Amino acid sequence: MDDDEQKKIADDFAEAVNMTPKQLEDWLDTDESKDVGQKDGGGESTGHASGRRIVKILRKKKADLTESDYAHMKKVSGYVSRHSSQRPSGDVTDTPWRYSLMNWGHDPKK
């Protein structure tokens, strides 16, 4: 992966993830966060696991990011883009749609 591709992925990720590591960590500790999303065999949801990984990525220095980190960043940007386009009508404050996005580091209410 060349520098231009890494920059594009990092820029898209920064646009998609609008929660700080602390905000995301605090959110991931809530029951609402743990109750949404597709579970892998009854355990943690895919989005919740992604959120924990996002916190680690956000706390890394750019020079320490791995190919795997960039691949996850790209996955996060794609998810946020796809899921955002499915916004339900009305107030989304207390909806599974918003909670799912927040697990992926994006609060649509910001």
PDB file of N, CA and C in Angstrom:
ATOM      1  N   MET A   1       0.857  -1.176   0.000  1.00  0.00           N
ATOM      2  CA  MET A   1       0.000   0.000   0.000  1.00  0.00           C
ATOM      3  C   MET A   1       0.903   1.240   0.000  1.00  0.00           C
ATOM      4  N   ASP A   2       0.699   2.111  -0.962  1.00  0.00           N
ATOM      5  CA  ASP A   2       1.578   3.283  -1.050  1.00  0.00           C
ATOM      6  C   ASP A   2       1.071   4.428  -0.164  1.00  0.00           C
ATOM      7  N   ASP A   3       1.888   5.462  -0.057  1.00  0.00           N
ATOM      8  CA  ASP A   3       1.582   6.595   0.820  1.00  0.00           C
ATOM      9  C   ASP A   3       0.286   7.292   0.433  1.00  0.00           C
ATOM     10  N   ASP A   4       0.034   7.424  -0.875  1.00  0.00           N
ATOM     11  CA  ASP A   4      -1.200   8.090  -1.329  1.00  0.00           C
ATOM     12  C   ASP A   4      -2.438   7.317  -0.886  1.00  0.00           C
ATOM     13  N   GLU A   5      -2.371   6.003  -1.008  1.00  0.00           N
ATOM     14  CA  GLU A   5      -3.519   5.181  -0.598  1.00  0.00           C
ATOM     15  C   GLU A   5      -3.719   5.258   0.916  1.00  0.00           C
ATOM     16  N   GLN A   6      -2.633   5.218   1.663  1.00  0.00           N
ATOM     17  CA  GLN A   6      -2.725   5.344   3.123  1.00  0.00           C
ATOM     18  C   GLN A   6      -3.335   6.689   3.513  1.00  0.00           C
ATOM     19  N   LYS A   7      -2.933   7.755   2.836  1.00  0.00           N
ATOM     20  CA  LYS A   7      -3.470   9.080   3.134  1.00  0.00           C
ATOM     21  C   LYS A   7      -4.968   9.142   2.851  1.00  0.00           C
ATOM     22  N   LYS A   8      -5.395   8.576   1.730  1.00  0.00           N
ATOM     23  CA  LYS A   8      -6.818   8.559   1.368  1.00  0.00           C
ATOM     24  C   LYS A   8      -7.627   7.795   2.417  1.00  0.00           C
ATOM     25  N   ILE A   9      -7.129   6.634   2.812  1.00  0.00           N
ATOM     26  CA  ILE A   9      -7.817   5.829   3.823  1.00  0.00           C
ATOM     27  C   ILE A   9      -7.883   6.583   5.147  1.00  0.00           C
ATOM     28  N   ALA A  10      -6.774   7.187   5.559  1.00  0.00           N
ATOM     29  CA  ALA A  10      -6.726   7.939   6.822  1.00  0.00           C
ATOM     30  C   ALA A  10      -7.672   9.141   6.781  1.00  0.00           C
ATOM     31  N   ASP A  11      -7.734   9.830   5.650  1.00  0.00           N
ATOM     32  CA  ASP A  11      -8.637  10.982   5.519  1.00  0.00           C
ATOM     33  C   ASP A  11     -10.101  10.544   5.601  1.00  0.00           C
ATOM     34  N   ASP A  12     -10.446   9.460   4.896  1.00  0.00           N
ATOM     35  CA  ASP A  12     -11.815   8.941   4.933  1.00  0.00           C
ATOM     36  C   ASP A  12     -12.186   8.494   6.344  1.00  0.00           C
ATOM     37  N   PHE A  13     -11.254   7.853   7.020  1.00  0.00           N
ATOM     38  CA  PHE A  13     -11.467   7.381   8.392  1.00  0.00           C
ATOM     39  C   PHE A  13     -11.691   8.570   9.332  1.00  0.00           C
ATOM     40  N   ALA A  14     -10.877   9.601   9.192  1.00  0.00           N
ATOM     41  CA  ALA A  14     -11.009  10.787  10.043  1.00  0.00           C
ATOM     42  C   ALA A  14     -12.351  11.480   9.825  1.00  0.00           C
ATOM     43  N   GLU A  15     -12.853  11.430   8.607  1.00  0.00           N
ATOM     44  CA  GLU A  15     -14.161  12.025   8.308  1.00  0.00           C
ATOM     45  C   GLU A  15     -15.286  11.172   8.893  1.00  0.00           C
ATOM     46  N   ALA A  16     -15.138   9.856   8.839  1.00  0.00           N
ATOM     47  CA  ALA A  16     -16.183   8.945   9.312  1.00  0.00           C
ATOM     48  C   ALA A  16     -16.251   8.876  10.835  1.00  0.00           C
ATOM     49  N   VAL A  17     -15.101   8.833  11.490  1.00  0.00           N
ATOM     50  CA  VAL A  17     -15.046   8.676  12.943  1.00  0.00           C
ATOM     51  C   VAL A  17     -15.024  10.054  13.587  1.00  0.00           C
ATOM     52  N   ASN A  18     -16.160  10.412  14.208  1.00  0.00           N
ATOM     53  CA  ASN A  18     -16.259  11.743  14.804  1.00  0.00           C
ATOM     54  C   ASN A  18     -16.336  11.695  16.333  1.00  0.00           C
ATOM     55  N   MET A  19     -16.012  10.553  16.902  1.00  0.00           N
ATOM     56  CA  MET A  19     -15.971  10.416  18.356  1.00  0.00           C
ATOM     57  C   MET A  19     -14.504  10.301  18.789  1.00  0.00           C
ATOM     58  N   THR A  20     -14.189  10.872  19.944  1.00  0.00           N
ATOM     59  CA  THR A  20     -12.841  10.760  20.486  1.00  0.00           C
ATOM     60  C   THR A  20     -12.660   9.361  21.060  1.00  0.00           C
ATOM     61  N   PRO A  21     -11.415   8.948  21.270  1.00  0.00           N
ATOM     62  CA  PRO A  21     -11.212   7.635  21.897  1.00  0.00           C
ATOM     63  C   PRO A  21     -11.955   7.506  23.229  1.00  0.00           C
ATOM     64  N   LYS A  22     -11.927   8.542  24.041  1.00  0.00           N
ATOM     65  CA  LYS A  22     -12.601   8.516  25.355  1.00  0.00           C
ATOM     66  C   LYS A  22     -14.114   8.417  25.184  1.00  0.00           C
ATOM     67  N   GLN A  23     -14.679   9.207  24.278  1.00  0.00           N
ATOM     68  CA  GLN A  23     -16.123   9.142  24.036  1.00  0.00           C
ATOM     69  C   GLN A  23     -16.526   7.749  23.581  1.00  0.00           C
ATOM     70  N   LEU A  24     -15.746   7.176  22.689  1.00  0.00           N
ATOM     71  CA  LEU A  24     -16.052   5.852  22.170  1.00  0.00           C
ATOM     72  C   LEU A  24     -15.902   4.787  23.263  1.00  0.00           C
ATOM     73  N   GLU A  25     -14.855   4.872  24.048  1.00  0.00           N
ATOM     74  CA  GLU A  25     -14.670   3.933  25.162  1.00  0.00           C
ATOM     75  C   GLU A  25     -15.837   3.991  26.136  1.00  0.00           C
ATOM     76  N   ASP A  26     -16.240   5.210  26.509  1.00  0.00           N
ATOM     77  CA  ASP A  26     -17.364   5.377  27.431  1.00  0.00           C
ATOM     78  C   ASP A  26     -18.641   4.794  26.829  1.00  0.00           C
ATOM     79  N   TRP A  27     -18.863   5.039  25.539  1.00  0.00           N
ATOM     80  CA  TRP A  27     -20.046   4.516  24.861  1.00  0.00           C
ATOM     81  C   TRP A  27     -20.028   2.985  24.856  1.00  0.00           C
ATOM     82  N   LEU A  28     -18.875   2.394  24.558  1.00  0.00           N
ATOM     83  CA  LEU A  28     -18.777   0.939  24.474  1.00  0.00           C
ATOM     84  C   LEU A  28     -19.047   0.250  25.811  1.00  0.00           C
ATOM     85  N   ASP A  29     -18.960   0.996  26.911  1.00  0.00           N
ATOM     86  CA  ASP A  29     -19.251   0.447  28.238  1.00  0.00           C
ATOM     87  C   ASP A  29     -20.746   0.434  28.556  1.00  0.00           C
ATOM     88  N   THR A  30     -21.578   1.026  27.712  1.00  0.00           N
ATOM     89  CA  THR A  30     -23.015   1.106  27.992  1.00  0.00           C
ATOM     90  C   THR A  30     -23.752  -0.155  27.548  1.00  0.00           C
ATOM     91  N   ASP A  31     -24.893  -0.397  28.190  1.00  0.00           N
ATOM     92  CA  ASP A  31     -25.743  -1.530  27.799  1.00  0.00           C
ATOM     93  C   ASP A  31     -26.281  -1.341  26.386  1.00  0.00           C
ATOM     94  N   GLU A  32     -26.605  -0.094  26.029  1.00  0.00           N
ATOM     95  CA  GLU A  32     -27.130   0.179  24.684  1.00  0.00           C
ATOM     96  C   GLU A  32     -26.125  -0.231  23.611  1.00  0.00           C
ATOM     97  N   SER A  33     -24.872   0.045  23.866  1.00  0.00           N
ATOM     98  CA  SER A  33     -23.824  -0.316  22.915  1.00  0.00           C
ATOM     99  C   SER A  33     -23.722  -1.834  22.760  1.00  0.00           C
ATOM    100  N   LYS A  34     -23.822  -2.527  23.877  1.00  0.00           N
ATOM    101  CA  LYS A  34     -23.659  -3.984  23.861  1.00  0.00           C
ATOM    102  C   LYS A  34     -24.877  -4.705  23.297  1.00  0.00           C
ATOM    103  N   ASP A  35     -26.037  -4.035  23.267  1.00  0.00           N
ATOM    104  CA  ASP A  35     -27.284  -4.673  22.837  1.00  0.00           C
ATOM    105  C   ASP A  35     -27.544  -4.610  21.335  1.00  0.00           C
ATOM    106  N   VAL A  36     -26.798  -3.784  20.595  1.00  0.00           N
ATOM    107  CA  VAL A  36     -27.060  -3.658  19.155  1.00  0.00           C
ATOM    108  C   VAL A  36     -26.014  -4.392  18.341  1.00  0.00           C
ATOM    109  N   GLY A  37     -26.395  -4.715  17.130  1.00  0.00           N
ATOM    110  CA  GLY A  37     -25.446  -5.293  16.188  1.00  0.00           C
ATOM    111  C   GLY A  37     -25.542  -6.793  16.075  1.00  0.00           C
ATOM    112  N   GLN A  38     -24.918  -7.289  15.035  1.00  0.00           N
ATOM    113  CA  GLN A  38     -24.901  -8.721  14.733  1.00  0.00           C
ATOM    114  C   GLN A  38     -23.869  -9.404  15.626  1.00  0.00           C
ATOM    115  N   LYS A  39     -24.326 -10.375  16.404  1.00  0.00           N
ATOM    116  CA  LYS A  39     -23.443 -11.099  17.325  1.00  0.00           C
ATOM    117  C   LYS A  39     -22.770 -12.253  16.603  1.00  0.00           C
ATOM    118  N   ASP A  40     -21.513 -12.484  16.940  1.00  0.00           N
ATOM    119  CA  ASP A  40     -20.783 -13.616  16.356  1.00  0.00           C
ATOM    120  C   ASP A  40     -20.854 -14.800  17.326  1.00  0.00           C
ATOM    121  N   GLY A  41     -21.867 -15.613  17.151  1.00  0.00           N
ATOM    122  CA  GLY A  41     -22.016 -16.773  18.014  1.00  0.00           C
ATOM    123  C   GLY A  41     -22.504 -16.445  19.413  1.00  0.00           C
ATOM    124  N   GLY A  42     -23.271 -15.371  19.564  1.00  0.00           N
ATOM    125  CA  GLY A  42     -23.849 -15.026  20.849  1.00  0.00           C
ATOM    126  C   GLY A  42     -22.964 -14.164  21.723  1.00  0.00           C
ATOM    127  N   GLY A  43     -21.762 -13.864  21.295  1.00  0.00           N
ATOM    128  CA  GLY A  43     -20.858 -13.042  22.094  1.00  0.00           C
ATOM    129  C   GLY A  43     -20.964 -11.574  21.727  1.00  0.00           C
ATOM    130  N   GLU A  44     -19.824 -10.961  21.558  1.00  0.00           N
ATOM    131  CA  GLU A  44     -19.746  -9.544  21.237  1.00  0.00           C
ATOM    132  C   GLU A  44     -20.157  -9.294  19.782  1.00  0.00           C
ATOM    133  N   SER A  45     -20.859  -8.183  19.552  1.00  0.00           N
ATOM    134  CA  SER A  45     -21.259  -7.855  18.182  1.00  0.00           C
ATOM    135  C   SER A  45     -20.047  -7.408  17.368  1.00  0.00           C
ATOM    136  N   THR A  46     -20.178  -7.518  16.070  1.00  0.00           N
ATOM    137  CA  THR A  46     -19.124  -7.104  15.143  1.00  0.00           C
ATOM    138  C   THR A  46     -18.788  -5.629  15.346  1.00  0.00           C
ATOM    139  N   GLY A  47     -19.818  -4.794  15.475  1.00  0.00           N
ATOM    140  CA  GLY A  47     -19.608  -3.359  15.651  1.00  0.00           C
ATOM    141  C   GLY A  47     -18.933  -3.023  16.966  1.00  0.00           C
ATOM    142  N   HIS A  48     -19.297  -3.730  18.027  1.00  0.00           N
ATOM    143  CA  HIS A  48     -18.692  -3.475  19.337  1.00  0.00           C
ATOM    144  C   HIS A  48     -17.203  -3.821  19.303  1.00  0.00           C
ATOM    145  N   ALA A  49     -16.871  -4.958  18.700  1.00  0.00           N
ATOM    146  CA  ALA A  49     -15.456  -5.337  18.560  1.00  0.00           C
ATOM    147  C   ALA A  49     -14.714  -4.316  17.699  1.00  0.00           C
ATOM    148  N   SER A  50     -15.374  -3.843  16.647  1.00  0.00           N
ATOM    149  CA  SER A  50     -14.769  -2.827  15.792  1.00  0.00           C
ATOM    150  C   SER A  50     -14.488  -1.560  16.588  1.00  0.00           C
ATOM    151  N   GLY A  51     -15.425  -1.168  17.428  1.00  0.00           N
ATOM    152  CA  GLY A  51     -15.243   0.031  18.250  1.00  0.00           C
ATOM    153  C   GLY A  51     -14.012  -0.060  19.133  1.00  0.00           C
ATOM    154  N   ARG A  52     -13.797  -1.230  19.735  1.00  0.00           N
ATOM    155  CA  ARG A  52     -12.603  -1.399  20.564  1.00  0.00           C
ATOM    156  C   ARG A  52     -11.338  -1.273  19.725  1.00  0.00           C
ATOM    157  N   ARG A  53     -11.386  -1.796  18.516  1.00  0.00           N
ATOM    158  CA  ARG A  53     -10.220  -1.689  17.618  1.00  0.00           C
ATOM    159  C   ARG A  53     -10.010  -0.236  17.180  1.00  0.00           C
ATOM    160  N   ILE A  54     -11.089   0.484  16.928  1.00  0.00           N
ATOM    161  CA  ILE A  54     -11.000   1.893  16.528  1.00  0.00           C
ATOM    162  C   ILE A  54     -10.311   2.708  17.617  1.00  0.00           C
ATOM    163  N   VAL A  55     -10.657   2.455  18.880  1.00  0.00           N
ATOM    164  CA  VAL A  55     -10.016   3.164  19.994  1.00  0.00           C
ATOM    165  C   VAL A  55      -8.502   2.965  19.930  1.00  0.00           C
ATOM    166  N   LYS A  56      -8.071   1.733  19.699  1.00  0.00           N
ATOM    167  CA  LYS A  56      -6.630   1.453  19.620  1.00  0.00           C
ATOM    168  C   LYS A  56      -5.988   2.191  18.442  1.00  0.00           C
ATOM    169  N   ILE A  57      -6.670   2.197  17.305  1.00  0.00           N
ATOM    170  CA  ILE A  57      -6.140   2.885  16.117  1.00  0.00           C
ATOM    171  C   ILE A  57      -6.023   4.384  16.378  1.00  0.00           C
ATOM    172  N   LEU A  58      -7.060   4.964  16.985  1.00  0.00           N
ATOM    173  CA  LEU A  58      -7.046   6.403  17.258  1.00  0.00           C
ATOM    174  C   LEU A  58      -5.914   6.804  18.206  1.00  0.00           C
ATOM    175  N   ARG A  59      -5.506   5.889  19.041  1.00  0.00           N
ATOM    176  CA  ARG A  59      -4.450   6.191  20.019  1.00  0.00           C
ATOM    177  C   ARG A  59      -3.046   5.914  19.481  1.00  0.00           C
ATOM    178  N   LYS A  60      -2.949   5.355  18.296  1.00  0.00           N
ATOM    179  CA  LYS A  60      -1.636   5.078  17.712  1.00  0.00           C
ATOM    180  C   LYS A  60      -1.079   6.295  16.989  1.00  0.00           C
ATOM    181  N   LYS A  61       0.227   6.351  16.910  1.00  0.00           N
ATOM    182  CA  LYS A  61       0.880   7.335  16.058  1.00  0.00           C
ATOM    183  C   LYS A  61       0.761   6.842  14.623  1.00  0.00           C
ATOM    184  N   LYS A  62       0.685   7.781  13.694  1.00  0.00           N
ATOM    185  CA  LYS A  62       0.547   7.428  12.284  1.00  0.00           C
ATOM    186  C   LYS A  62       1.635   6.444  11.841  1.00  0.00           C
ATOM    187  N   ALA A  63       2.848   6.666  12.290  1.00  0.00           N
ATOM    188  CA  ALA A  63       3.971   5.823  11.890  1.00  0.00           C
ATOM    189  C   ALA A  63       3.828   4.387  12.401  1.00  0.00           C
ATOM    190  N   ASP A  64       3.011   4.182  13.420  1.00  0.00           N
ATOM    191  CA  ASP A  64       2.841   2.854  14.004  1.00  0.00           C
ATOM    192  C   ASP A  64       1.656   2.082  13.423  1.00  0.00           C
ATOM    193  N   LEU A  65       0.915   2.704  12.515  1.00  0.00           N
ATOM    194  CA  LEU A  65      -0.233   2.020  11.910  1.00  0.00           C
ATOM    195  C   LEU A  65       0.249   0.903  10.983  1.00  0.00           C
ATOM    196  N   THR A  66      -0.413  -0.238  11.059  1.00  0.00           N
ATOM    197  CA  THR A  66      -0.050  -1.402  10.254  1.00  0.00           C
ATOM    198  C   THR A  66      -0.970  -1.513   9.036  1.00  0.00           C
ATOM    199  N   GLU A  67      -0.624  -2.410   8.129  1.00  0.00           N
ATOM    200  CA  GLU A  67      -1.489  -2.693   6.977  1.00  0.00           C
ATOM    201  C   GLU A  67      -2.866  -3.136   7.472  1.00  0.00           C
ATOM    202  N   SER A  68      -2.883  -3.943   8.514  1.00  0.00           N
ATOM    203  CA  SER A  68      -4.139  -4.418   9.098  1.00  0.00           C
ATOM    204  C   SER A  68      -4.963  -3.247   9.653  1.00  0.00           C
ATOM    205  N   ASP A  69      -4.296  -2.283  10.273  1.00  0.00           N
ATOM    206  CA  ASP A  69      -4.990  -1.092  10.771  1.00  0.00           C
ATOM    207  C   ASP A  69      -5.632  -0.335   9.613  1.00  0.00           C
ATOM    208  N   TYR A  70      -4.874  -0.150   8.541  1.00  0.00           N
ATOM    209  CA  TYR A  70      -5.423   0.563   7.381  1.00  0.00           C
ATOM    210  C   TYR A  70      -6.600  -0.195   6.776  1.00  0.00           C
ATOM    211  N   ALA A  71      -6.519  -1.516   6.747  1.00  0.00           N
ATOM    212  CA  ALA A  71      -7.631  -2.319   6.222  1.00  0.00           C
ATOM    213  C   ALA A  71      -8.871  -2.124   7.094  1.00  0.00           C
ATOM    214  N   HIS A  72      -8.680  -2.073   8.416  1.00  0.00           N
ATOM    215  CA  HIS A  72      -9.831  -1.862   9.305  1.00  0.00           C
ATOM    216  C   HIS A  72     -10.381  -0.441   9.149  1.00  0.00           C
ATOM    217  N   MET A  73      -9.500   0.524   9.009  1.00  0.00           N
ATOM    218  CA  MET A  73      -9.927   1.909   8.811  1.00  0.00           C
ATOM    219  C   MET A  73     -10.798   2.022   7.559  1.00  0.00           C
ATOM    220  N   LYS A  74     -10.397   1.321   6.511  1.00  0.00           N
ATOM    221  CA  LYS A  74     -11.159   1.325   5.258  1.00  0.00           C
ATOM    222  C   LYS A  74     -12.530   0.675   5.466  1.00  0.00           C
ATOM    223  N   LYS A  75     -12.550  -0.416   6.224  1.00  0.00           N
ATOM    224  CA  LYS A  75     -13.809  -1.110   6.542  1.00  0.00           C
ATOM    225  C   LYS A  75     -14.741  -0.184   7.332  1.00  0.00           C
ATOM    226  N   VAL A  76     -14.191   0.538   8.298  1.00  0.00           N
ATOM    227  CA  VAL A  76     -14.981   1.459   9.122  1.00  0.00           C
ATOM    228  C   VAL A  76     -15.609   2.550   8.250  1.00  0.00           C
ATOM    229  N   SER A  77     -14.828   3.155   7.384  1.00  0.00           N
ATOM    230  CA  SER A  77     -15.329   4.220   6.510  1.00  0.00           C
ATOM    231  C   SER A  77     -16.458   3.705   5.626  1.00  0.00           C
ATOM    232  N   GLY A  78     -16.289   2.509   5.089  1.00  0.00           N
ATOM    233  CA  GLY A  78     -17.321   1.921   4.243  1.00  0.00           C
ATOM    234  C   GLY A  78     -18.594   1.645   5.006  1.00  0.00           C
ATOM    235  N   TYR A  79     -18.465   1.098   6.214  1.00  0.00           N
ATOM    236  CA  TYR A  79     -19.639   0.811   7.036  1.00  0.00           C
ATOM    237  C   TYR A  79     -20.395   2.097   7.367  1.00  0.00           C
ATOM    238  N   VAL A  80     -19.668   3.092   7.834  1.00  0.00           N
ATOM    239  CA  VAL A  80     -20.308   4.358   8.218  1.00  0.00           C
ATOM    240  C   VAL A  80     -21.030   4.972   7.016  1.00  0.00           C
ATOM    241  N   SER A  81     -20.414   4.938   5.857  1.00  0.00           N
ATOM    242  CA  SER A  81     -21.030   5.485   4.649  1.00  0.00           C
ATOM    243  C   SER A  81     -22.315   4.730   4.290  1.00  0.00           C
ATOM    244  N   ARG A  82     -22.243   3.403   4.262  1.00  0.00           N
ATOM    245  CA  ARG A  82     -23.415   2.586   3.908  1.00  0.00           C
ATOM    246  C   ARG A  82     -24.530   2.748   4.928  1.00  0.00           C
ATOM    247  N   HIS A  83     -24.183   2.648   6.201  1.00  0.00           N
ATOM    248  CA  HIS A  83     -25.201   2.690   7.257  1.00  0.00           C
ATOM    249  C   HIS A  83     -25.822   4.083   7.369  1.00  0.00           C
ATOM    250  N   SER A  84     -25.029   5.118   7.154  1.00  0.00           N
ATOM    251  CA  SER A  84     -25.549   6.490   7.220  1.00  0.00           C
ATOM    252  C   SER A  84     -26.612   6.729   6.154  1.00  0.00           C
ATOM    253  N   SER A  85     -26.456   6.096   5.006  1.00  0.00           N
ATOM    254  CA  SER A  85     -27.415   6.294   3.918  1.00  0.00           C
ATOM    255  C   SER A  85     -28.762   5.616   4.208  1.00  0.00           C
ATOM    256  N   GLN A  86     -28.823   4.804   5.257  1.00  0.00           N
ATOM    257  CA  GLN A  86     -30.058   4.117   5.636  1.00  0.00           C
ATOM    258  C   GLN A  86     -30.764   4.804   6.797  1.00  0.00           C
ATOM    259  N   ARG A  87     -30.488   6.070   6.990  1.00  0.00           N
ATOM    260  CA  ARG A  87     -31.046   6.826   8.117  1.00  0.00           C
ATOM    261  C   ARG A  87     -32.571   6.730   8.141  1.00  0.00           C
ATOM    262  N   PRO A  88     -33.126   6.328   9.289  1.00  0.00           N
ATOM    263  CA  PRO A  88     -34.579   6.277   9.398  1.00  0.00           C
ATOM    264  C   PRO A  88     -35.160   7.687   9.552  1.00  0.00           C
ATOM    265  N   SER A  89     -36.446   7.820   9.295  1.00  0.00           N
ATOM    266  CA  SER A  89     -37.079   9.128   9.451  1.00  0.00           C
ATOM    267  C   SER A  89     -37.321   9.405  10.928  1.00  0.00           C
ATOM    268  N   GLY A  90     -37.496  10.661  11.239  1.00  0.00           N
ATOM    269  CA  GLY A  90     -37.796  11.070  12.609  1.00  0.00           C
ATOM    270  C   GLY A  90     -36.554  11.241  13.459  1.00  0.00           C
ATOM    271  N   ASP A  91     -36.796  11.333  14.759  1.00  0.00           N
ATOM    272  CA  ASP A  91     -35.726  11.534  15.728  1.00  0.00           C
ATOM    273  C   ASP A  91     -34.942  10.228  15.887  1.00  0.00           C
ATOM    274  N   VAL A  92     -33.648  10.281  15.663  1.00  0.00           N
ATOM    275  CA  VAL A  92     -32.817   9.071  15.720  1.00  0.00           C
ATOM    276  C   VAL A  92     -32.043   8.943  17.042  1.00  0.00           C
ATOM    277  N   THR A  93     -32.330   9.832  17.995  1.00  0.00           N
ATOM    278  CA  THR A  93     -31.546   9.882  19.224  1.00  0.00           C
ATOM    279  C   THR A  93     -31.413   8.525  19.910  1.00  0.00           C
ATOM    280  N   ASP A  94     -32.513   7.864  20.166  1.00  0.00           N
ATOM    281  CA  ASP A  94     -32.489   6.600  20.911  1.00  0.00           C
ATOM    282  C   ASP A  94     -32.865   5.426  20.019  1.00  0.00           C
ATOM    283  N   THR A  95     -32.162   5.279  18.909  1.00  0.00           N
ATOM    284  CA  THR A  95     -32.486   4.220  17.958  1.00  0.00           C
ATOM    285  C   THR A  95     -31.327   3.243  17.792  1.00  0.00           C
ATOM    286  N   PRO A  96     -31.627   1.997  17.491  1.00  0.00           N
ATOM    287  CA  PRO A  96     -30.565   1.034  17.202  1.00  0.00           C
ATOM    288  C   PRO A  96     -29.687   1.491  16.031  1.00  0.00           C
ATOM    289  N   TRP A  97     -30.273   2.209  15.081  1.00  0.00           N
ATOM    290  CA  TRP A  97     -29.504   2.711  13.937  1.00  0.00           C
ATOM    291  C   TRP A  97     -28.361   3.612  14.413  1.00  0.00           C
ATOM    292  N   ARG A  98     -28.681   4.561  15.290  1.00  0.00           N
ATOM    293  CA  ARG A  98     -27.651   5.462  15.817  1.00  0.00           C
ATOM    294  C   ARG A  98     -26.657   4.697  16.683  1.00  0.00           C
ATOM    295  N   TYR A  99     -27.161   3.826  17.537  1.00  0.00           N
ATOM    296  CA  TYR A  99     -26.282   3.090  18.436  1.00  0.00           C
ATOM    297  C   TYR A  99     -25.289   2.232  17.653  1.00  0.00           C
ATOM    298  N   SER A 100     -25.754   1.639  16.567  1.00  0.00           N
ATOM    299  CA  SER A 100     -24.871   0.827  15.743  1.00  0.00           C
ATOM    300  C   SER A 100     -23.753   1.680  15.145  1.00  0.00           C
ATOM    301  N   LEU A 101     -24.104   2.845  14.629  1.00  0.00           N
ATOM    302  CA  LEU A 101     -23.089   3.750  14.082  1.00  0.00           C
ATOM    303  C   LEU A 101     -22.108   4.192  15.159  1.00  0.00           C
ATOM    304  N   MET A 102     -22.617   4.436  16.348  1.00  0.00           N
ATOM    305  CA  MET A 102     -21.727   4.866  17.431  1.00  0.00           C
ATOM    306  C   MET A 102     -20.733   3.767  17.801  1.00  0.00           C
ATOM    307  N   ASN A 103     -21.139   2.516  17.693  1.00  0.00           N
ATOM    308  CA  ASN A 103     -20.184   1.420  17.937  1.00  0.00           C
ATOM    309  C   ASN A 103     -19.025   1.488  16.960  1.00  0.00           C
ATOM    310  N   TRP A 104     -19.272   2.045  15.795  1.00  0.00           N
ATOM    311  CA  TRP A 104     -18.240   2.171  14.747  1.00  0.00           C
ATOM    312  C   TRP A 104     -17.569   3.549  14.806  1.00  0.00           C
ATOM    313  N   GLY A 105     -17.795   4.307  15.893  1.00  0.00           N
ATOM    314  CA  GLY A 105     -17.084   5.571  16.102  1.00  0.00           C
ATOM    315  C   GLY A 105     -17.729   6.794  15.488  1.00  0.00           C
ATOM    316  N   HIS A 106     -18.962   6.646  14.967  1.00  0.00           N
ATOM    317  CA  HIS A 106     -19.635   7.768  14.310  1.00  0.00           C
ATOM    318  C   HIS A 106     -20.950   8.077  15.018  1.00  0.00           C
ATOM    319  N   ASP A 107     -21.065   9.274  15.569  1.00  0.00           N
ATOM    320  CA  ASP A 107     -22.324   9.716  16.174  1.00  0.00           C
ATOM    321  C   ASP A 107     -23.024  10.642  15.195  1.00  0.00           C
ATOM    322  N   PRO A 108     -24.128  10.184  14.578  1.00  0.00           N
ATOM    323  CA  PRO A 108     -24.816  11.006  13.593  1.00  0.00           C
ATOM    324  C   PRO A 108     -25.488  12.246  14.181  1.00  0.00           C
ATOM    325  N   LYS A 109     -25.549  12.349  15.490  1.00  0.00           N
ATOM    326  CA  LYS A 109     -26.134  13.520  16.139  1.00  0.00           C
ATOM    327  C   LYS A 109     -25.116  14.645  16.318  1.00  0.00           C
ATOM    328  N   LYS A 110     -23.856  14.395  15.988  1.00  0.00           N
ATOM    329  CA  LYS A 110     -22.817  15.431  16.124  1.00  0.00           C
ATOM    330  C   LYS A 110     -22.822  16.320  14.902  1.00  0.00           C
TER     331      LYS A 110
END
